[in-house]
Amino acid sequence: MKSLQHHVKKLAELMKQADALVDRKKAAKLIKKAEERAAKIRKRCHASSKLQKESDSQNGLDQERQEACDQ
């Protein structure tokens, strides 16, 4: 499974490519891909926070993880 950081970097690359394009159709396709990738990032972030919620709450890390996902 790829890291969350990898997905974020890929998202940034897609958005930069879309900004540089003159052709609106190609830019729209790249933006759609970027939106799909952003959804994957959100899903993964929330899934990992749910899995770690019990163990992190014991250590006081639950709030920190949620704040990191919200940013």
PDB file of N, CA and C in Angstrom:
ATOM      1  N   MET A   1       0.838  -1.169   0.000  1.00  0.00           N
ATOM      2  CA  MET A   1       0.000   0.000   0.000  1.00  0.00           C
ATOM      3  C   MET A   1       0.891   1.243   0.000  1.00  0.00           C
ATOM      4  N   LYS A   2       0.524   2.204  -0.815  1.00  0.00           N
ATOM      5  CA  LYS A   2       1.346   3.405  -0.914  1.00  0.00           C
ATOM      6  C   LYS A   2       1.075   4.333   0.263  1.00  0.00           C
ATOM      7  N   SER A   3       2.075   5.133   0.571  1.00  0.00           N
ATOM      8  CA  SER A   3       1.946   6.021   1.716  1.00  0.00           C
ATOM      9  C   SER A   3       1.033   7.198   1.402  1.00  0.00           C
ATOM     10  N   LEU A   4       0.523   7.784   2.438  1.00  0.00           N
ATOM     11  CA  LEU A   4      -0.334   8.953   2.300  1.00  0.00           C
ATOM     12  C   LEU A   4       0.441  10.100   1.656  1.00  0.00           C
ATOM     13  N   GLN A   5       1.697  10.224   2.000  1.00  0.00           N
ATOM     14  CA  GLN A   5       2.539  11.278   1.439  1.00  0.00           C
ATOM     15  C   GLN A   5       2.649  11.126  -0.073  1.00  0.00           C
ATOM     16  N   HIS A   6       2.743   9.900  -0.560  1.00  0.00           N
ATOM     17  CA  HIS A   6       2.809   9.647  -1.997  1.00  0.00           C
ATOM     18  C   HIS A   6       1.553  10.170  -2.689  1.00  0.00           C
ATOM     19  N   HIS A   7       0.394   9.891  -2.101  1.00  0.00           N
ATOM     20  CA  HIS A   7      -0.867  10.320  -2.695  1.00  0.00           C
ATOM     21  C   HIS A   7      -0.986  11.844  -2.713  1.00  0.00           C
ATOM     22  N   VAL A   8      -0.512  12.489  -1.678  1.00  0.00           N
ATOM     23  CA  VAL A   8      -0.570  13.946  -1.610  1.00  0.00           C
ATOM     24  C   VAL A   8       0.345  14.560  -2.665  1.00  0.00           C
ATOM     25  N   LYS A   9       1.543  14.006  -2.841  1.00  0.00           N
ATOM     26  CA  LYS A   9       2.460  14.508  -3.866  1.00  0.00           C
ATOM     27  C   LYS A   9       1.869  14.341  -5.254  1.00  0.00           C
ATOM     28  N   LYS A  10       1.261  13.192  -5.501  1.00  0.00           N
ATOM     29  CA  LYS A  10       0.651  12.924  -6.798  1.00  0.00           C
ATOM     30  C   LYS A  10      -0.502  13.893  -7.063  1.00  0.00           C
ATOM     31  N   LEU A  11      -1.275  14.183  -6.032  1.00  0.00           N
ATOM     32  CA  LEU A  11      -2.374  15.139  -6.153  1.00  0.00           C
ATOM     33  C   LEU A  11      -1.837  16.517  -6.543  1.00  0.00           C
ATOM     34  N   ALA A  12      -0.769  16.940  -5.908  1.00  0.00           N
ATOM     35  CA  ALA A  12      -0.172  18.241  -6.224  1.00  0.00           C
ATOM     36  C   ALA A  12       0.333  18.275  -7.666  1.00  0.00           C
ATOM     37  N   GLU A  13       0.939  17.191  -8.122  1.00  0.00           N
ATOM     38  CA  GLU A  13       1.416  17.118  -9.502  1.00  0.00           C
ATOM     39  C   GLU A  13       0.260  17.237 -10.490  1.00  0.00           C
ATOM     40  N   LEU A  14      -0.822  16.532 -10.234  1.00  0.00           N
ATOM     41  CA  LEU A  14      -1.982  16.588 -11.123  1.00  0.00           C
ATOM     42  C   LEU A  14      -2.556  17.998 -11.198  1.00  0.00           C
ATOM     43  N   MET A  15      -2.633  18.669 -10.074  1.00  0.00           N
ATOM     44  CA  MET A  15      -3.184  20.027 -10.069  1.00  0.00           C
ATOM     45  C   MET A  15      -2.264  21.002 -10.802  1.00  0.00           C
ATOM     46  N   LYS A  16      -0.953  20.846 -10.658  1.00  0.00           N
ATOM     47  CA  LYS A  16      -0.017  21.704 -11.385  1.00  0.00           C
ATOM     48  C   LYS A  16      -0.134  21.487 -12.884  1.00  0.00           C
ATOM     49  N   GLN A  17      -0.253  20.224 -13.294  1.00  0.00           N
ATOM     50  CA  GLN A  17      -0.407  19.915 -14.712  1.00  0.00           C
ATOM     51  C   GLN A  17      -1.698  20.506 -15.257  1.00  0.00           C
ATOM     52  N   ALA A  18      -2.765  20.424 -14.499  1.00  0.00           N
ATOM     53  CA  ALA A  18      -4.054  20.971 -14.936  1.00  0.00           C
ATOM     54  C   ALA A  18      -3.978  22.490 -15.074  1.00  0.00           C
ATOM     55  N   ASP A  19      -3.270  23.151 -14.168  1.00  0.00           N
ATOM     56  CA  ASP A  19      -3.122  24.605 -14.243  1.00  0.00           C
ATOM     57  C   ASP A  19      -2.343  25.036 -15.478  1.00  0.00           C
ATOM     58  N   ALA A  20      -1.379  24.221 -15.894  1.00  0.00           N
ATOM     59  CA  ALA A  20      -0.520  24.574 -17.017  1.00  0.00           C
ATOM     60  C   ALA A  20      -1.177  24.331 -18.376  1.00  0.00           C
ATOM     61  N   LEU A  21      -2.235  23.538 -18.412  1.00  0.00           N
ATOM     62  CA  LEU A  21      -2.860  23.192 -19.686  1.00  0.00           C
ATOM     63  C   LEU A  21      -3.757  24.304 -20.209  1.00  0.00           C
ATOM     64  N   VAL A  22      -3.739  24.459 -21.540  1.00  0.00           N
ATOM     65  CA  VAL A  22      -4.616  25.417 -22.196  1.00  0.00           C
ATOM     66  C   VAL A  22      -5.915  24.727 -22.602  1.00  0.00           C
ATOM     67  N   ASP A  23      -5.819  23.467 -22.997  1.00  0.00           N
ATOM     68  CA  ASP A  23      -6.989  22.698 -23.426  1.00  0.00           C
ATOM     69  C   ASP A  23      -7.884  22.410 -22.220  1.00  0.00           C
ATOM     70  N   ARG A  24      -9.093  22.938 -22.250  1.00  0.00           N
ATOM     71  CA  ARG A  24     -10.003  22.815 -21.115  1.00  0.00           C
ATOM     72  C   ARG A  24     -10.429  21.374 -20.863  1.00  0.00           C
ATOM     73  N   LYS A  25     -10.595  20.594 -21.921  1.00  0.00           N
ATOM     74  CA  LYS A  25     -11.037  19.205 -21.743  1.00  0.00           C
ATOM     75  C   LYS A  25      -9.974  18.378 -21.026  1.00  0.00           C
ATOM     76  N   LYS A  26      -8.720  18.548 -21.442  1.00  0.00           N
ATOM     77  CA  LYS A  26      -7.637  17.812 -20.790  1.00  0.00           C
ATOM     78  C   LYS A  26      -7.480  18.261 -19.338  1.00  0.00           C
ATOM     79  N   ALA A  27      -7.610  19.557 -19.113  1.00  0.00           N
ATOM     80  CA  ALA A  27      -7.504  20.077 -17.749  1.00  0.00           C
ATOM     81  C   ALA A  27      -8.631  19.522 -16.881  1.00  0.00           C
ATOM     82  N   ALA A  28      -9.826  19.433 -17.444  1.00  0.00           N
ATOM     83  CA  ALA A  28     -10.963  18.897 -16.687  1.00  0.00           C
ATOM     84  C   ALA A  28     -10.729  17.436 -16.312  1.00  0.00           C
ATOM     85  N   LYS A  29     -10.127  16.668 -17.223  1.00  0.00           N
ATOM     86  CA  LYS A  29      -9.827  15.266 -16.925  1.00  0.00           C
ATOM     87  C   LYS A  29      -8.815  15.159 -15.786  1.00  0.00           C
ATOM     88  N   LEU A  30      -7.783  16.000 -15.839  1.00  0.00           N
ATOM     89  CA  LEU A  30      -6.777  15.968 -14.775  1.00  0.00           C
ATOM     90  C   LEU A  30      -7.377  16.391 -13.435  1.00  0.00           C
ATOM     91  N   ILE A  31      -8.251  17.378 -13.464  1.00  0.00           N
ATOM     92  CA  ILE A  31      -8.891  17.823 -12.228  1.00  0.00           C
ATOM     93  C   ILE A  31      -9.767  16.715 -11.661  1.00  0.00           C
ATOM     94  N   LYS A  32     -10.458  15.989 -12.540  1.00  0.00           N
ATOM     95  CA  LYS A  32     -11.286  14.876 -12.076  1.00  0.00           C
ATOM     96  C   LYS A  32     -10.419  13.801 -11.418  1.00  0.00           C
ATOM     97  N   LYS A  33      -9.264  13.498 -12.044  1.00  0.00           N
ATOM     98  CA  LYS A  33      -8.345  12.528 -11.443  1.00  0.00           C
ATOM     99  C   LYS A  33      -7.866  13.022 -10.079  1.00  0.00           C
ATOM    100  N   ALA A  34      -7.571  14.318 -10.005  1.00  0.00           N
ATOM    101  CA  ALA A  34      -7.104  14.891  -8.744  1.00  0.00           C
ATOM    102  C   ALA A  34      -8.182  14.786  -7.668  1.00  0.00           C
ATOM    103  N   GLU A  35      -9.430  15.021  -8.048  1.00  0.00           N
ATOM    104  CA  GLU A  35     -10.524  14.905  -7.081  1.00  0.00           C
ATOM    105  C   GLU A  35     -10.680  13.469  -6.594  1.00  0.00           C
ATOM    106  N   GLU A  36     -10.514  12.507  -7.498  1.00  0.00           N
ATOM    107  CA  GLU A  36     -10.592  11.095  -7.109  1.00  0.00           C
ATOM    108  C   GLU A  36      -9.469  10.745  -6.140  1.00  0.00           C
ATOM    109  N   ARG A  37      -8.283  11.262  -6.409  1.00  0.00           N
ATOM    110  CA  ARG A  37      -7.143  11.002  -5.536  1.00  0.00           C
ATOM    111  C   ARG A  37      -7.360  11.649  -4.169  1.00  0.00           C
ATOM    112  N   ALA A  38      -7.932  12.844  -4.159  1.00  0.00           N
ATOM    113  CA  ALA A  38      -8.221  13.517  -2.890  1.00  0.00           C
ATOM    114  C   ALA A  38      -9.222  12.706  -2.068  1.00  0.00           C
ATOM    115  N   ALA A  39     -10.187  12.111  -2.749  1.00  0.00           N
ATOM    116  CA  ALA A  39     -11.160  11.260  -2.048  1.00  0.00           C
ATOM    117  C   ALA A  39     -10.467  10.049  -1.435  1.00  0.00           C
ATOM    118  N   LYS A  40      -9.513   9.470  -2.161  1.00  0.00           N
ATOM    119  CA  LYS A  40      -8.759   8.334  -1.627  1.00  0.00           C
ATOM    120  C   LYS A  40      -7.960   8.749  -0.396  1.00  0.00           C
ATOM    121  N   ILE A  41      -7.381   9.940  -0.455  1.00  0.00           N
ATOM    122  CA  ILE A  41      -6.595  10.434   0.676  1.00  0.00           C
ATOM    123  C   ILE A  41      -7.492  10.595   1.899  1.00  0.00           C
ATOM    124  N   ARG A  42      -8.664  11.223   1.709  1.00  0.00           N
ATOM    125  CA  ARG A  42      -9.599  11.407   2.818  1.00  0.00           C
ATOM    126  C   ARG A  42     -10.037  10.071   3.392  1.00  0.00           C
ATOM    127  N   LYS A  43     -10.353   9.127   2.499  1.00  0.00           N
ATOM    128  CA  LYS A  43     -10.813   7.810   2.938  1.00  0.00           C
ATOM    129  C   LYS A  43      -9.732   7.114   3.754  1.00  0.00           C
ATOM    130  N   ARG A  44      -8.505   7.176   3.271  1.00  0.00           N
ATOM    131  CA  ARG A  44      -7.409   6.511   3.967  1.00  0.00           C
ATOM    132  C   ARG A  44      -7.123   7.173   5.310  1.00  0.00           C
ATOM    133  N   CYS A  45      -7.188   8.479   5.330  1.00  0.00           N
ATOM    134  CA  CYS A  45      -6.922   9.211   6.562  1.00  0.00           C
ATOM    135  C   CYS A  45      -7.970   8.874   7.618  1.00  0.00           C
ATOM    136  N   HIS A  46      -9.226   8.855   7.227  1.00  0.00           N
ATOM    137  CA  HIS A  46     -10.288   8.534   8.181  1.00  0.00           C
ATOM    138  C   HIS A  46     -10.249   7.069   8.600  1.00  0.00           C
ATOM    139  N   ALA A  47      -9.906   6.186   7.684  1.00  0.00           N
ATOM    140  CA  ALA A  47      -9.830   4.766   8.020  1.00  0.00           C
ATOM    141  C   ALA A  47      -8.714   4.512   9.027  1.00  0.00           C
ATOM    142  N   SER A  48      -7.573   5.148   8.805  1.00  0.00           N
ATOM    143  CA  SER A  48      -6.462   4.936   9.727  1.00  0.00           C
ATOM    144  C   SER A  48      -6.757   5.543  11.092  1.00  0.00           C
ATOM    145  N   SER A  49      -7.470   6.663  11.111  1.00  0.00           N
ATOM    146  CA  SER A  49      -7.797   7.258  12.408  1.00  0.00           C
ATOM    147  C   SER A  49      -8.803   6.405  13.169  1.00  0.00           C
ATOM    148  N   LYS A  50      -9.724   5.749  12.467  1.00  0.00           N
ATOM    149  CA  LYS A  50     -10.681   4.872  13.136  1.00  0.00           C
ATOM    150  C   LYS A  50      -9.991   3.645  13.711  1.00  0.00           C
ATOM    151  N   LEU A  51      -9.031   3.088  12.966  1.00  0.00           N
ATOM    152  CA  LEU A  51      -8.327   1.901  13.443  1.00  0.00           C
ATOM    153  C   LEU A  51      -7.465   2.202  14.665  1.00  0.00           C
ATOM    154  N   GLN A  52      -6.901   3.380  14.693  1.00  0.00           N
ATOM    155  CA  GLN A  52      -6.001   3.734  15.783  1.00  0.00           C
ATOM    156  C   GLN A  52      -6.696   4.455  16.927  1.00  0.00           C
ATOM    157  N   LYS A  53      -7.989   4.699  16.795  1.00  0.00           N
ATOM    158  CA  LYS A  53      -8.694   5.523  17.773  1.00  0.00           C
ATOM    159  C   LYS A  53      -8.584   4.991  19.194  1.00  0.00           C
ATOM    160  N   GLU A  54      -8.802   3.707  19.372  1.00  0.00           N
ATOM    161  CA  GLU A  54      -8.775   3.148  20.725  1.00  0.00           C
ATOM    162  C   GLU A  54      -7.386   3.207  21.343  1.00  0.00           C
ATOM    163  N   SER A  55      -6.387   2.797  20.604  1.00  0.00           N
ATOM    164  CA  SER A  55      -5.040   2.795  21.176  1.00  0.00           C
ATOM    165  C   SER A  55      -4.509   4.212  21.357  1.00  0.00           C
ATOM    166  N   ASP A  56      -4.845   5.100  20.431  1.00  0.00           N
ATOM    167  CA  ASP A  56      -4.375   6.475  20.545  1.00  0.00           C
ATOM    168  C   ASP A  56      -5.060   7.223  21.679  1.00  0.00           C
ATOM    169  N   SER A  57      -6.323   6.934  21.919  1.00  0.00           N
ATOM    170  CA  SER A  57      -7.036   7.638  22.989  1.00  0.00           C
ATOM    171  C   SER A  57      -6.410   7.332  24.342  1.00  0.00           C
ATOM    172  N   GLN A  58      -5.861   6.149  24.483  1.00  0.00           N
ATOM    173  CA  GLN A  58      -5.187   5.798  25.729  1.00  0.00           C
ATOM    174  C   GLN A  58      -3.914   6.614  25.898  1.00  0.00           C
ATOM    175  N   ASN A  59      -3.279   6.948  24.782  1.00  0.00           N
ATOM    176  CA  ASN A  59      -2.032   7.700  24.831  1.00  0.00           C
ATOM    177  C   ASN A  59      -2.240   9.198  24.631  1.00  0.00           C
ATOM    178  N   GLY A  60      -3.476   9.638  24.392  1.00  0.00           N
ATOM    179  CA  GLY A  60      -3.741  11.056  24.181  1.00  0.00           C
ATOM    180  C   GLY A  60      -3.383  11.527  22.789  1.00  0.00           C
ATOM    181  N   LEU A  61      -3.234  10.611  21.844  1.00  0.00           N
ATOM    182  CA  LEU A  61      -2.837  10.972  20.490  1.00  0.00           C
ATOM    183  C   LEU A  61      -4.023  11.109  19.544  1.00  0.00           C
ATOM    184  N   ASP A  62      -5.220  10.759  19.975  1.00  0.00           N
ATOM    185  CA  ASP A  62      -6.404  10.789  19.112  1.00  0.00           C
ATOM    186  C   ASP A  62      -6.664  12.191  18.576  1.00  0.00           C
ATOM    187  N   GLN A  63      -6.586  13.186  19.429  1.00  0.00           N
ATOM    188  CA  GLN A  63      -6.848  14.566  19.011  1.00  0.00           C
ATOM    189  C   GLN A  63      -5.788  15.031  18.012  1.00  0.00           C
ATOM    190  N   GLU A  64      -4.529  14.692  18.236  1.00  0.00           N
ATOM    191  CA  GLU A  64      -3.455  15.089  17.334  1.00  0.00           C
ATOM    192  C   GLU A  64      -3.632  14.471  15.956  1.00  0.00           C
ATOM    193  N   ARG A  65      -4.014  13.212  15.882  1.00  0.00           N
ATOM    194  CA  ARG A  65      -4.216  12.530  14.606  1.00  0.00           C
ATOM    195  C   ARG A  65      -5.377  13.172  13.839  1.00  0.00           C
ATOM    196  N   GLN A  66      -6.459  13.477  14.541  1.00  0.00           N
ATOM    197  CA  GLN A  66      -7.621  14.080  13.889  1.00  0.00           C
ATOM    198  C   GLN A  66      -7.271  15.465  13.347  1.00  0.00           C
ATOM    199  N   GLU A  67      -6.505  16.243  14.098  1.00  0.00           N
ATOM    200  CA  GLU A  67      -6.093  17.562  13.636  1.00  0.00           C
ATOM    201  C   GLU A  67      -5.212  17.449  12.403  1.00  0.00           C
ATOM    202  N   ALA A  68      -4.336  16.461  12.346  1.00  0.00           N
ATOM    203  CA  ALA A  68      -3.472  16.262  11.186  1.00  0.00           C
ATOM    204  C   ALA A  68      -4.287  15.883   9.961  1.00  0.00           C
ATOM    205  N   CYS A  69      -5.317  15.080  10.134  1.00  0.00           N
ATOM    206  CA  CYS A  69      -6.169  14.683   9.012  1.00  0.00           C
ATOM    207  C   CYS A  69      -7.021  15.840   8.527  1.00  0.00           C
ATOM    208  N   ASP A  70      -7.424  16.721   9.425  1.00  0.00           N
ATOM    209  CA  ASP A  70      -8.272  17.844   9.049  1.00  0.00           C
ATOM    210  C   ASP A  70      -7.512  18.894   8.256  1.00  0.00           C
ATOM    211  N   GLN A  71      -6.217  18.953   8.402  1.00  0.00           N
ATOM    212  CA  GLN A  71      -5.437  19.964   7.686  1.00  0.00           C
ATOM    213  C   GLN A  71      -5.260  19.548   6.317  1.00  0.00           C
TER     214      GLN A  71
END
